[in-house]
Amino acid sequence: MIKGGGLKKYVITRWTTAYDCTDSIIRCKNALKQILENESQLLNLEIISILRKQNFFRNVKDLRTILLSIKKTIINLKHKSTTLADCFINLVIMATAIKELSQTSNQNFSKECQNVFDKRWKEFNFDYYLLAYFLHSKYRDTDLQINTFRIICEKALSIWKLLGGREKSANELIAQISNYSLKSKPYNFEFVTGIHTVKNWWLMCKQQNNHIQKLALLMASIVPKNNQFENNENENQISNSQNFDSFFNVTDIELQRVLEIEVTVEISLSTEYTDSGEQDFNIESIINKSLERRESSINNITE
């Protein structure tokens, strides 16, 4: 009797079954070797050739490691409370699992896995994930590279412009983003897991012209649908009431199959605040001025 059952087939439209299949091969490794040595007549020539390959079981084990990350990602993203920040974190976990293969596995196999993931990562638009991760008050800019702050600001202002924000509010938004990153008031209290949610944490941040709060609540309201995560037969469809242009790069079929994201946004952004300045404001100019002020503030703190 093999613990956990015998060999399992996989369903091409169900990602989690691919892990179950590779896991069953590893569990049945000794039994398969015994059949190969003592009762090879039960196997066809193709199966015999595969089982006799030197690195077959090692490669299957490495593949199982990657598929386990994908399976966990799919399961995690099925929760109703899943956000874009959760998607970002799980994709990073997948990337980490692939990179760790280089230390333990066949070099050619690990390199091929890394190349495939790098290609998909570059093709997919992760700026929205990055912004959602940053605006999640549990994470902020934890473990992010220094140069990602500019990317975050650029994406925030591009969204703000689409929402009708003008130059005045855009400058205020970037100043608030900088203060949030530095944990300045009113963003200087910690996110307590199990007590806070992204929504109630941001609602506690009281200030006039609270543009960053509106943006954070908007990003937190964008959630993956949980009804088609594992079904790979349908094409990914994106819908968004705010009409974000090119919200995701939907040409990447493999990542579509992992995420199967459908986006809906329902949040009121009405306000009595009077905005002013150019509607087609210069994003780069605003960010450059903000980064200069931010660097000056950091230097004053460290002196």
C-alpha atoms as a PDB file:
ATOM      1  CA  MET A   1       0.000   0.000   0.000  1.00  0.00           C
ATOM      2  CA  ILE A   2       1.404   3.403  -1.024  1.00  0.00           C
ATOM      3  CA  LYS A   3       0.756   6.157   1.493  1.00  0.00           C
ATOM      4  CA  GLY A   4      -1.459   8.828  -0.033  1.00  0.00           C
ATOM      5  CA  GLY A   5      -2.733   6.594  -2.842  1.00  0.00           C
ATOM      6  CA  GLY A   6      -1.415   5.619  -6.245  1.00  0.00           C
ATOM      7  CA  LEU A   7      -0.608   7.591  -9.362  1.00  0.00           C
ATOM      8  CA  LYS A   8      -2.908  10.490 -10.148  1.00  0.00           C
ATOM      9  CA  LYS A   9      -3.722  11.963 -13.522  1.00  0.00           C
ATOM     10  CA  TYR A  10      -3.897  15.687 -14.121  1.00  0.00           C
ATOM     11  CA  VAL A  11      -6.630  17.702 -15.812  1.00  0.00           C
ATOM     12  CA  ILE A  12      -5.207  20.184 -18.309  1.00  0.00           C
ATOM     13  CA  THR A  13      -7.708  22.875 -17.258  1.00  0.00           C
ATOM     14  CA  ARG A  14      -7.015  22.469 -13.529  1.00  0.00           C
ATOM     15  CA  TRP A  15      -3.646  23.722 -12.285  1.00  0.00           C
ATOM     16  CA  THR A  16      -3.812  22.116  -8.847  1.00  0.00           C
ATOM     17  CA  THR A  17      -4.119  18.641 -10.370  1.00  0.00           C
ATOM     18  CA  ALA A  18      -0.709  19.088 -12.023  1.00  0.00           C
ATOM     19  CA  TYR A  19       0.839  19.284  -8.548  1.00  0.00           C
ATOM     20  CA  ASP A  20      -1.163  16.250  -7.401  1.00  0.00           C
ATOM     21  CA  CYS A  21       0.150  14.306 -10.400  1.00  0.00           C
ATOM     22  CA  THR A  22       3.833  15.114  -9.777  1.00  0.00           C
ATOM     23  CA  ASP A  23       3.406  14.487  -6.057  1.00  0.00           C
ATOM     24  CA  SER A  24       1.958  11.042  -6.751  1.00  0.00           C
ATOM     25  CA  ILE A  25       4.946  10.184  -8.983  1.00  0.00           C
ATOM     26  CA  ILE A  26       7.373  11.000  -6.161  1.00  0.00           C
ATOM     27  CA  ARG A  27       5.307   9.008  -3.654  1.00  0.00           C
ATOM     28  CA  CYS A  28       5.269   6.037  -6.036  1.00  0.00           C
ATOM     29  CA  LYS A  29       8.975   6.318  -6.881  1.00  0.00           C
ATOM     30  CA  ASN A  30      10.039   3.064  -5.182  1.00  0.00           C
ATOM     31  CA  ALA A  31       7.061   1.147  -6.562  1.00  0.00           C
ATOM     32  CA  LEU A  32       7.777   2.389 -10.085  1.00  0.00           C
ATOM     33  CA  LYS A  33      11.429   1.369  -9.784  1.00  0.00           C
ATOM     34  CA  GLN A  34      10.445  -2.110  -8.600  1.00  0.00           C
ATOM     35  CA  ILE A  35       8.059  -2.536 -11.531  1.00  0.00           C
ATOM     36  CA  LEU A  36      10.778  -1.326 -13.908  1.00  0.00           C
ATOM     37  CA  GLU A  37      13.279  -3.851 -12.530  1.00  0.00           C
ATOM     38  CA  ASN A  38      11.007  -6.853 -11.955  1.00  0.00           C
ATOM     39  CA  GLU A  39       7.933  -6.490 -14.187  1.00  0.00           C
ATOM     40  CA  SER A  40       8.956  -4.199 -17.032  1.00  0.00           C
ATOM     41  CA  GLN A  41       6.628  -6.096 -19.386  1.00  0.00           C
ATOM     42  CA  LEU A  42       3.770  -4.200 -17.743  1.00  0.00           C
ATOM     43  CA  LEU A  43       5.123  -0.906 -19.098  1.00  0.00           C
ATOM     44  CA  ASN A  44       5.306   0.354 -22.669  1.00  0.00           C
ATOM     45  CA  LEU A  45       8.665   1.311 -24.171  1.00  0.00           C
ATOM     46  CA  GLU A  46       8.057   5.052 -23.859  1.00  0.00           C
ATOM     47  CA  ILE A  47       7.381   4.813 -20.118  1.00  0.00           C
ATOM     48  CA  ILE A  48      10.436   2.591 -19.637  1.00  0.00           C
ATOM     49  CA  SER A  49      12.608   5.119 -21.476  1.00  0.00           C
ATOM     50  CA  ILE A  50      11.320   7.991 -19.327  1.00  0.00           C
ATOM     51  CA  LEU A  51      11.782   6.151 -16.021  1.00  0.00           C
ATOM     52  CA  ARG A  52      15.350   5.186 -16.920  1.00  0.00           C
ATOM     53  CA  LYS A  53      16.430   8.768 -17.537  1.00  0.00           C
ATOM     54  CA  GLN A  54      19.047   9.727 -14.971  1.00  0.00           C
ATOM     55  CA  ASN A  55      17.396  12.893 -13.644  1.00  0.00           C
ATOM     56  CA  PHE A  56      13.744  12.000 -14.181  1.00  0.00           C
ATOM     57  CA  PHE A  57      12.659  11.769 -10.542  1.00  0.00           C
ATOM     58  CA  ARG A  58      14.837  14.722  -9.552  1.00  0.00           C
ATOM     59  CA  ASN A  59      13.264  16.890 -12.259  1.00  0.00           C
ATOM     60  CA  VAL A  60       9.773  15.776 -11.250  1.00  0.00           C
ATOM     61  CA  LYS A  61      10.571  16.667  -7.639  1.00  0.00           C
ATOM     62  CA  ASP A  62      11.785  20.122  -8.681  1.00  0.00           C
ATOM     63  CA  LEU A  63       8.713  20.611 -10.851  1.00  0.00           C
ATOM     64  CA  ARG A  64       6.549  19.598  -7.899  1.00  0.00           C
ATOM     65  CA  THR A  65       8.166  22.382  -5.844  1.00  0.00           C
ATOM     66  CA  ILE A  66       7.148  24.987  -8.414  1.00  0.00           C
ATOM     67  CA  LEU A  67       3.671  23.537  -8.876  1.00  0.00           C
ATOM     68  CA  LEU A  68       3.161  23.570  -5.100  1.00  0.00           C
ATOM     69  CA  SER A  69       3.748  27.336  -5.139  1.00  0.00           C
ATOM     70  CA  ILE A  70       1.238  27.701  -7.970  1.00  0.00           C
ATOM     71  CA  LYS A  71      -1.292  25.501  -6.152  1.00  0.00           C
ATOM     72  CA  LYS A  72      -0.948  27.534  -2.944  1.00  0.00           C
ATOM     73  CA  THR A  73      -1.305  30.738  -4.958  1.00  0.00           C
ATOM     74  CA  ILE A  74      -4.519  29.528  -6.576  1.00  0.00           C
ATOM     75  CA  ILE A  75      -5.966  28.430  -3.219  1.00  0.00           C
ATOM     76  CA  ASN A  76      -4.981  31.703  -1.528  1.00  0.00           C
ATOM     77  CA  LEU A  77      -6.460  33.812  -4.309  1.00  0.00           C
ATOM     78  CA  LYS A  78      -9.815  32.042  -4.070  1.00  0.00           C
ATOM     79  CA  HIS A  79     -10.630  33.811  -0.802  1.00  0.00           C
ATOM     80  CA  LYS A  80     -13.287  36.520  -1.045  1.00  0.00           C
ATOM     81  CA  SER A  81     -11.033  38.973   0.801  1.00  0.00           C
ATOM     82  CA  THR A  82      -8.155  38.602  -1.678  1.00  0.00           C
ATOM     83  CA  THR A  83      -6.688  41.880  -2.959  1.00  0.00           C
ATOM     84  CA  LEU A  84      -4.201  42.835  -5.666  1.00  0.00           C
ATOM     85  CA  ALA A  85      -1.588  43.082  -2.905  1.00  0.00           C
ATOM     86  CA  ASP A  86      -2.196  39.408  -2.102  1.00  0.00           C
ATOM     87  CA  CYS A  87      -1.721  38.575  -5.789  1.00  0.00           C
ATOM     88  CA  PHE A  88       1.580  40.441  -5.815  1.00  0.00           C
ATOM     89  CA  ILE A  89       2.873  38.660  -2.709  1.00  0.00           C
ATOM     90  CA  ASN A  90       1.952  35.214  -4.024  1.00  0.00           C
ATOM     91  CA  LEU A  91       3.641  35.882  -7.352  1.00  0.00           C
ATOM     92  CA  VAL A  92       6.792  36.940  -5.512  1.00  0.00           C
ATOM     93  CA  ILE A  93       6.624  33.694  -3.521  1.00  0.00           C
ATOM     94  CA  MET A  94       6.445  31.778  -6.799  1.00  0.00           C
ATOM     95  CA  ALA A  95       9.463  33.656  -8.147  1.00  0.00           C
ATOM     96  CA  THR A  96      11.392  32.925  -4.957  1.00  0.00           C
ATOM     97  CA  ALA A  97      10.614  29.205  -5.205  1.00  0.00           C
ATOM     98  CA  ILE A  98      11.975  29.134  -8.756  1.00  0.00           C
ATOM     99  CA  LYS A  99      15.145  31.006  -7.825  1.00  0.00           C
ATOM    100  CA  GLU A 100      15.801  28.628  -4.936  1.00  0.00           C
ATOM    101  CA  LEU A 101      15.888  25.736  -7.410  1.00  0.00           C
ATOM    102  CA  SER A 102      19.258  26.959  -8.681  1.00  0.00           C
ATOM    103  CA  GLN A 103      20.844  25.983  -5.365  1.00  0.00           C
ATOM    104  CA  THR A 104      19.601  22.393  -5.296  1.00  0.00           C
ATOM    105  CA  SER A 105      18.478  21.215  -8.721  1.00  0.00           C
ATOM    106  CA  ASN A 106      19.769  20.413 -12.171  1.00  0.00           C
ATOM    107  CA  GLN A 107      21.213  23.679 -13.484  1.00  0.00           C
ATOM    108  CA  ASN A 108      19.670  23.389 -16.949  1.00  0.00           C
ATOM    109  CA  PHE A 109      16.228  22.701 -15.505  1.00  0.00           C
ATOM    110  CA  SER A 110      16.353  25.558 -12.990  1.00  0.00           C
ATOM    111  CA  LYS A 111      17.680  27.958 -15.633  1.00  0.00           C
ATOM    112  CA  GLU A 112      14.844  27.062 -17.988  1.00  0.00           C
ATOM    113  CA  CYS A 113      12.275  27.645 -15.233  1.00  0.00           C
ATOM    114  CA  GLN A 114      13.879  30.988 -14.391  1.00  0.00           C
ATOM    115  CA  ASN A 115      13.891  32.089 -18.042  1.00  0.00           C
ATOM    116  CA  VAL A 116      10.216  31.233 -18.481  1.00  0.00           C
ATOM    117  CA  PHE A 117       9.193  33.080 -15.322  1.00  0.00           C
ATOM    118  CA  ASP A 118      11.347  36.132 -16.148  1.00  0.00           C
ATOM    119  CA  LYS A 119       9.773  36.327 -19.594  1.00  0.00           C
ATOM    120  CA  ARG A 120       6.255  36.204 -18.178  1.00  0.00           C
ATOM    121  CA  TRP A 121       7.099  38.677 -15.401  1.00  0.00           C
ATOM    122  CA  LYS A 122       8.337  41.219 -17.970  1.00  0.00           C
ATOM    123  CA  GLU A 123       5.307  40.762 -20.212  1.00  0.00           C
ATOM    124  CA  PHE A 124       2.772  41.254 -17.432  1.00  0.00           C
ATOM    125  CA  ASN A 125       1.910  44.733 -16.145  1.00  0.00           C
ATOM    126  CA  PHE A 126       2.690  44.623 -12.436  1.00  0.00           C
ATOM    127  CA  ASP A 127       2.536  48.360 -11.699  1.00  0.00           C
ATOM    128  CA  TYR A 128      -0.993  48.085 -10.322  1.00  0.00           C
ATOM    129  CA  TYR A 129       0.024  45.152  -8.128  1.00  0.00           C
ATOM    130  CA  LEU A 130       3.002  47.150  -6.891  1.00  0.00           C
ATOM    131  CA  LEU A 131       0.841  50.165  -6.040  1.00  0.00           C
ATOM    132  CA  ALA A 132      -1.714  47.950  -4.273  1.00  0.00           C
ATOM    133  CA  TYR A 133       1.080  46.300  -2.268  1.00  0.00           C
ATOM    134  CA  PHE A 134       2.486  49.703  -1.274  1.00  0.00           C
ATOM    135  CA  LEU A 135      -0.930  51.044  -0.242  1.00  0.00           C
ATOM    136  CA  HIS A 136      -1.606  47.952   1.881  1.00  0.00           C
ATOM    137  CA  SER A 137      -0.814  49.376   5.313  1.00  0.00           C
ATOM    138  CA  LYS A 138       0.651  46.073   6.513  1.00  0.00           C
ATOM    139  CA  TYR A 139       3.376  46.116   3.866  1.00  0.00           C
ATOM    140  CA  ARG A 140       3.962  49.703   2.629  1.00  0.00           C
ATOM    141  CA  ASP A 141       7.398  49.623   0.991  1.00  0.00           C
ATOM    142  CA  THR A 142       8.744  46.616   2.899  1.00  0.00           C
ATOM    143  CA  ASP A 143      11.469  44.837   0.890  1.00  0.00           C
ATOM    144  CA  LEU A 144      10.936  47.055  -2.144  1.00  0.00           C
ATOM    145  CA  GLN A 145      13.892  48.412  -4.071  1.00  0.00           C
ATOM    146  CA  ILE A 146      14.562  52.151  -3.764  1.00  0.00           C
ATOM    147  CA  ASN A 147      13.774  52.841  -7.420  1.00  0.00           C
ATOM    148  CA  THR A 148      10.281  51.351  -7.085  1.00  0.00           C
ATOM    149  CA  PHE A 149       9.036  54.460  -5.238  1.00  0.00           C
ATOM    150  CA  ARG A 150       9.093  56.418  -8.498  1.00  0.00           C
ATOM    151  CA  ILE A 151       7.155  53.641 -10.256  1.00  0.00           C
ATOM    152  CA  ILE A 152       4.569  53.716  -7.467  1.00  0.00           C
ATOM    153  CA  CYS A 153       4.196  57.492  -7.758  1.00  0.00           C
ATOM    154  CA  GLU A 154       3.886  57.345 -11.545  1.00  0.00           C
ATOM    155  CA  LYS A 155       1.144  54.727 -11.379  1.00  0.00           C
ATOM    156  CA  ALA A 156      -0.692  56.602  -8.615  1.00  0.00           C
ATOM    157  CA  LEU A 157      -0.705  59.825 -10.639  1.00  0.00           C
ATOM    158  CA  SER A 158      -1.748  58.065 -13.838  1.00  0.00           C
ATOM    159  CA  ILE A 159      -4.776  56.668 -11.998  1.00  0.00           C
ATOM    160  CA  TRP A 160      -5.462  60.030 -10.377  1.00  0.00           C
ATOM    161  CA  LYS A 161      -5.449  61.710 -13.779  1.00  0.00           C
ATOM    162  CA  LEU A 162      -7.900  59.113 -15.124  1.00  0.00           C
ATOM    163  CA  LEU A 163     -10.177  59.854 -12.176  1.00  0.00           C
ATOM    164  CA  GLY A 164     -10.224  63.540 -13.137  1.00  0.00           C
ATOM    165  CA  GLY A 165      -7.669  64.841 -10.638  1.00  0.00           C
ATOM    166  CA  ARG A 166      -5.903  68.098 -11.483  1.00  0.00           C
ATOM    167  CA  GLU A 167      -2.450  69.478 -10.759  1.00  0.00           C
ATOM    168  CA  LYS A 168      -3.259  70.815  -7.280  1.00  0.00           C
ATOM    169  CA  SER A 169      -4.635  67.544  -5.922  1.00  0.00           C
ATOM    170  CA  ALA A 170      -1.894  65.586  -7.726  1.00  0.00           C
ATOM    171  CA  ASN A 171       0.802  67.491  -5.829  1.00  0.00           C
ATOM    172  CA  GLU A 172      -1.062  66.931  -2.570  1.00  0.00           C
ATOM    173  CA  LEU A 173      -1.455  63.226  -3.338  1.00  0.00           C
ATOM    174  CA  ILE A 174       2.275  62.732  -3.918  1.00  0.00           C
ATOM    175  CA  ALA A 175       3.069  64.601  -0.697  1.00  0.00           C
ATOM    176  CA  GLN A 176       0.687  62.302   1.174  1.00  0.00           C
ATOM    177  CA  ILE A 177       2.237  59.223  -0.450  1.00  0.00           C
ATOM    178  CA  SER A 178       5.676  60.374   0.691  1.00  0.00           C
ATOM    179  CA  ASN A 179       4.461  60.963   4.263  1.00  0.00           C
ATOM    180  CA  TYR A 180       2.790  57.544   4.275  1.00  0.00           C
ATOM    181  CA  SER A 181       6.043  55.910   3.148  1.00  0.00           C
ATOM    182  CA  LEU A 182       7.962  57.685   5.917  1.00  0.00           C
ATOM    183  CA  LYS A 183       5.263  56.768   8.498  1.00  0.00           C
ATOM    184  CA  SER A 184       4.664  60.406   9.302  1.00  0.00           C
ATOM    185  CA  LYS A 185       1.382  61.522  10.897  1.00  0.00           C
ATOM    186  CA  PRO A 186      -1.398  60.540  10.401  1.00  0.00           C
ATOM    187  CA  TYR A 187       0.113  57.296   9.040  1.00  0.00           C
ATOM    188  CA  ASN A 188       2.369  56.529  12.005  1.00  0.00           C
ATOM    189  CA  PHE A 189       0.477  53.669  13.649  1.00  0.00           C
ATOM    190  CA  GLU A 190       1.014  50.002  12.888  1.00  0.00           C
ATOM    191  CA  PHE A 191      -1.295  47.650  11.040  1.00  0.00           C
ATOM    192  CA  VAL A 192      -2.414  44.941  13.490  1.00  0.00           C
ATOM    193  CA  THR A 193      -3.187  41.656  11.751  1.00  0.00           C
ATOM    194  CA  GLY A 194      -6.465  40.166  12.938  1.00  0.00           C
ATOM    195  CA  ILE A 195      -7.807  43.539  14.047  1.00  0.00           C
ATOM    196  CA  HIS A 196      -7.247  45.881  11.144  1.00  0.00           C
ATOM    197  CA  THR A 197      -8.404  45.527   7.584  1.00  0.00           C
ATOM    198  CA  VAL A 198      -7.036  47.700   4.805  1.00  0.00           C
ATOM    199  CA  LYS A 199     -10.335  49.569   4.725  1.00  0.00           C
ATOM    200  CA  ASN A 200     -10.706  50.310   8.455  1.00  0.00           C
ATOM    201  CA  TRP A 201      -7.008  51.213   8.777  1.00  0.00           C
ATOM    202  CA  TRP A 202      -7.296  53.845   6.073  1.00  0.00           C
ATOM    203  CA  LEU A 203     -10.596  55.149   7.437  1.00  0.00           C
ATOM    204  CA  MET A 204      -8.763  55.881  10.705  1.00  0.00           C
ATOM    205  CA  CYS A 205      -6.369  58.210   8.868  1.00  0.00           C
ATOM    206  CA  LYS A 206      -8.105  61.553   9.313  1.00  0.00           C
ATOM    207  CA  GLN A 207      -6.946  64.637   7.423  1.00  0.00           C
ATOM    208  CA  GLN A 208      -8.276  67.262   5.055  1.00  0.00           C
ATOM    209  CA  ASN A 209      -8.218  66.555   1.328  1.00  0.00           C
ATOM    210  CA  ASN A 210      -7.489  62.884   1.976  1.00  0.00           C
ATOM    211  CA  HIS A 211      -6.560  61.928  -1.584  1.00  0.00           C
ATOM    212  CA  ILE A 212      -4.348  58.970  -0.657  1.00  0.00           C
ATOM    213  CA  GLN A 213      -7.186  57.466   1.372  1.00  0.00           C
ATOM    214  CA  LYS A 214      -9.469  57.579  -1.665  1.00  0.00           C
ATOM    215  CA  LEU A 215      -6.779  55.991  -3.826  1.00  0.00           C
ATOM    216  CA  ALA A 216      -5.986  53.295  -1.239  1.00  0.00           C
ATOM    217  CA  LEU A 217      -9.661  52.365  -0.828  1.00  0.00           C
ATOM    218  CA  LEU A 218     -10.019  52.229  -4.588  1.00  0.00           C
ATOM    219  CA  MET A 219      -7.058  49.854  -4.953  1.00  0.00           C
ATOM    220  CA  ALA A 220      -8.310  47.718  -2.051  1.00  0.00           C
ATOM    221  CA  SER A 221     -11.701  47.394  -3.761  1.00  0.00           C
ATOM    222  CA  ILE A 222     -10.140  45.750  -6.822  1.00  0.00           C
ATOM    223  CA  VAL A 223     -10.316  42.039  -6.090  1.00  0.00           C
ATOM    224  CA  PRO A 224      -9.844  38.864  -8.144  1.00  0.00           C
ATOM    225  CA  LYS A 225     -13.074  37.002  -8.766  1.00  0.00           C
ATOM    226  CA  ASN A 226     -13.044  33.718  -6.853  1.00  0.00           C
ATOM    227  CA  ASN A 227     -15.272  31.683  -9.161  1.00  0.00           C
ATOM    228  CA  GLN A 228     -12.935  30.878 -12.066  1.00  0.00           C
ATOM    229  CA  PHE A 229      -9.439  30.709 -10.620  1.00  0.00           C
ATOM    230  CA  GLU A 230      -8.746  27.171 -11.722  1.00  0.00           C
ATOM    231  CA  ASN A 231     -10.712  27.046 -14.946  1.00  0.00           C
ATOM    232  CA  ASN A 232      -8.220  27.541 -17.760  1.00  0.00           C
ATOM    233  CA  GLU A 233     -10.671  27.104 -20.620  1.00  0.00           C
ATOM    234  CA  ASN A 234     -12.044  30.648 -20.685  1.00  0.00           C
ATOM    235  CA  GLU A 235     -10.137  33.716 -21.799  1.00  0.00           C
ATOM    236  CA  ASN A 236      -9.407  36.293 -19.155  1.00  0.00           C
ATOM    237  CA  GLN A 237     -11.792  39.250 -19.217  1.00  0.00           C
ATOM    238  CA  ILE A 238     -11.168  42.572 -17.507  1.00  0.00           C
ATOM    239  CA  SER A 239     -13.972  44.961 -16.625  1.00  0.00           C
ATOM    240  CA  ASN A 240     -13.600  48.155 -14.652  1.00  0.00           C
ATOM    241  CA  SER A 241     -16.124  50.888 -13.954  1.00  0.00           C
ATOM    242  CA  GLN A 242     -13.353  53.500 -13.944  1.00  0.00           C
ATOM    243  CA  ASN A 243     -12.229  52.490 -17.482  1.00  0.00           C
ATOM    244  CA  PHE A 244      -8.534  52.100 -16.663  1.00  0.00           C
ATOM    245  CA  ASP A 245      -6.585  51.830 -19.932  1.00  0.00           C
ATOM    246  CA  SER A 246      -4.563  48.626 -20.314  1.00  0.00           C
ATOM    247  CA  PHE A 247      -5.232  47.601 -16.710  1.00  0.00           C
ATOM    248  CA  PHE A 248      -3.388  44.325 -17.261  1.00  0.00           C
ATOM    249  CA  ASN A 249      -1.405  42.844 -20.112  1.00  0.00           C
ATOM    250  CA  VAL A 250      -4.005  40.249 -21.071  1.00  0.00           C
ATOM    251  CA  THR A 251      -1.852  38.757 -23.865  1.00  0.00           C
ATOM    252  CA  ASP A 252       0.040  36.604 -21.365  1.00  0.00           C
ATOM    253  CA  ILE A 253      -1.910  33.345 -21.524  1.00  0.00           C
ATOM    254  CA  GLU A 254       0.034  31.404 -18.888  1.00  0.00           C
ATOM    255  CA  LEU A 255      -0.308  34.048 -16.180  1.00  0.00           C
ATOM    256  CA  GLN A 256      -3.954  34.490 -17.102  1.00  0.00           C
ATOM    257  CA  ARG A 257      -4.427  30.842 -16.294  1.00  0.00           C
ATOM    258  CA  VAL A 258      -2.795  31.265 -12.905  1.00  0.00           C
ATOM    259  CA  LEU A 259      -4.661  34.398 -11.911  1.00  0.00           C
ATOM    260  CA  GLU A 260      -7.877  34.438 -14.005  1.00  0.00           C
ATOM    261  CA  ILE A 261      -8.539  37.961 -12.762  1.00  0.00           C
ATOM    262  CA  GLU A 262     -11.727  39.850 -13.431  1.00  0.00           C
ATOM    263  CA  VAL A 263     -11.736  43.369 -12.033  1.00  0.00           C
ATOM    264  CA  THR A 264     -14.680  45.346 -10.746  1.00  0.00           C
ATOM    265  CA  VAL A 265     -14.567  48.669  -8.936  1.00  0.00           C
ATOM    266  CA  GLU A 266     -17.466  50.173  -7.056  1.00  0.00           C
ATOM    267  CA  ILE A 267     -16.429  53.139  -4.944  1.00  0.00           C
ATOM    268  CA  SER A 268     -17.669  56.696  -4.779  1.00  0.00           C
ATOM    269  CA  LEU A 269     -14.992  59.332  -5.286  1.00  0.00           C
ATOM    270  CA  SER A 270     -17.317  62.334  -4.987  1.00  0.00           C
ATOM    271  CA  THR A 271     -15.989  65.147  -2.808  1.00  0.00           C
ATOM    272  CA  GLU A 272     -16.613  68.824  -2.024  1.00  0.00           C
ATOM    273  CA  TYR A 273     -12.917  69.512  -2.522  1.00  0.00           C
ATOM    274  CA  THR A 274     -12.227  72.102  -5.227  1.00  0.00           C
ATOM    275  CA  ASP A 275      -9.351  71.089  -7.443  1.00  0.00           C
ATOM    276  CA  SER A 276      -7.406  73.429  -9.698  1.00  0.00           C
ATOM    277  CA  GLY A 277      -4.510  73.580 -12.138  1.00  0.00           C
ATOM    278  CA  GLU A 278      -3.919  71.660 -15.339  1.00  0.00           C
ATOM    279  CA  GLN A 279      -5.901  68.478 -15.837  1.00  0.00           C
ATOM    280  CA  ASP A 280      -3.215  67.156 -18.175  1.00  0.00           C
ATOM    281  CA  PHE A 281      -0.507  67.790 -15.572  1.00  0.00           C
ATOM    282  CA  ASN A 282       3.116  66.720 -16.009  1.00  0.00           C
ATOM    283  CA  ILE A 283       3.551  63.555 -13.936  1.00  0.00           C
ATOM    284  CA  GLU A 284       7.360  63.541 -14.168  1.00  0.00           C
ATOM    285  CA  SER A 285       7.649  67.148 -13.002  1.00  0.00           C
ATOM    286  CA  ILE A 286       5.456  66.554  -9.951  1.00  0.00           C
ATOM    287  CA  ILE A 287       7.342  63.388  -9.004  1.00  0.00           C
ATOM    288  CA  ASN A 288      10.773  64.997  -9.413  1.00  0.00           C
ATOM    289  CA  LYS A 289       9.847  67.879  -7.116  1.00  0.00           C
ATOM    290  CA  SER A 290       8.351  65.482  -4.582  1.00  0.00           C
ATOM    291  CA  LEU A 291      11.420  63.229  -4.569  1.00  0.00           C
ATOM    292  CA  GLU A 292      13.652  66.240  -3.953  1.00  0.00           C
ATOM    293  CA  ARG A 293      11.547  67.241  -0.938  1.00  0.00           C
ATOM    294  CA  ARG A 294      11.429  63.624   0.243  1.00  0.00           C
ATOM    295  CA  GLU A 295      15.213  63.243   0.081  1.00  0.00           C
ATOM    296  CA  SER A 296      15.643  66.515   1.945  1.00  0.00           C
ATOM    297  CA  SER A 297      13.258  65.337   4.678  1.00  0.00           C
ATOM    298  CA  ILE A 298      15.100  62.023   5.042  1.00  0.00           C
ATOM    299  CA  ASN A 299      18.442  63.827   5.293  1.00  0.00           C
ATOM    300  CA  ASN A 300      17.074  66.115   8.011  1.00  0.00           C
ATOM    301  CA  ILE A 301      15.873  63.096   9.995  1.00  0.00           C
ATOM    302  CA  THR A 302      19.229  61.291   9.776  1.00  0.00           C
ATOM    303  CA  GLU A 303      21.366  64.333  10.614  1.00  0.00           C
END
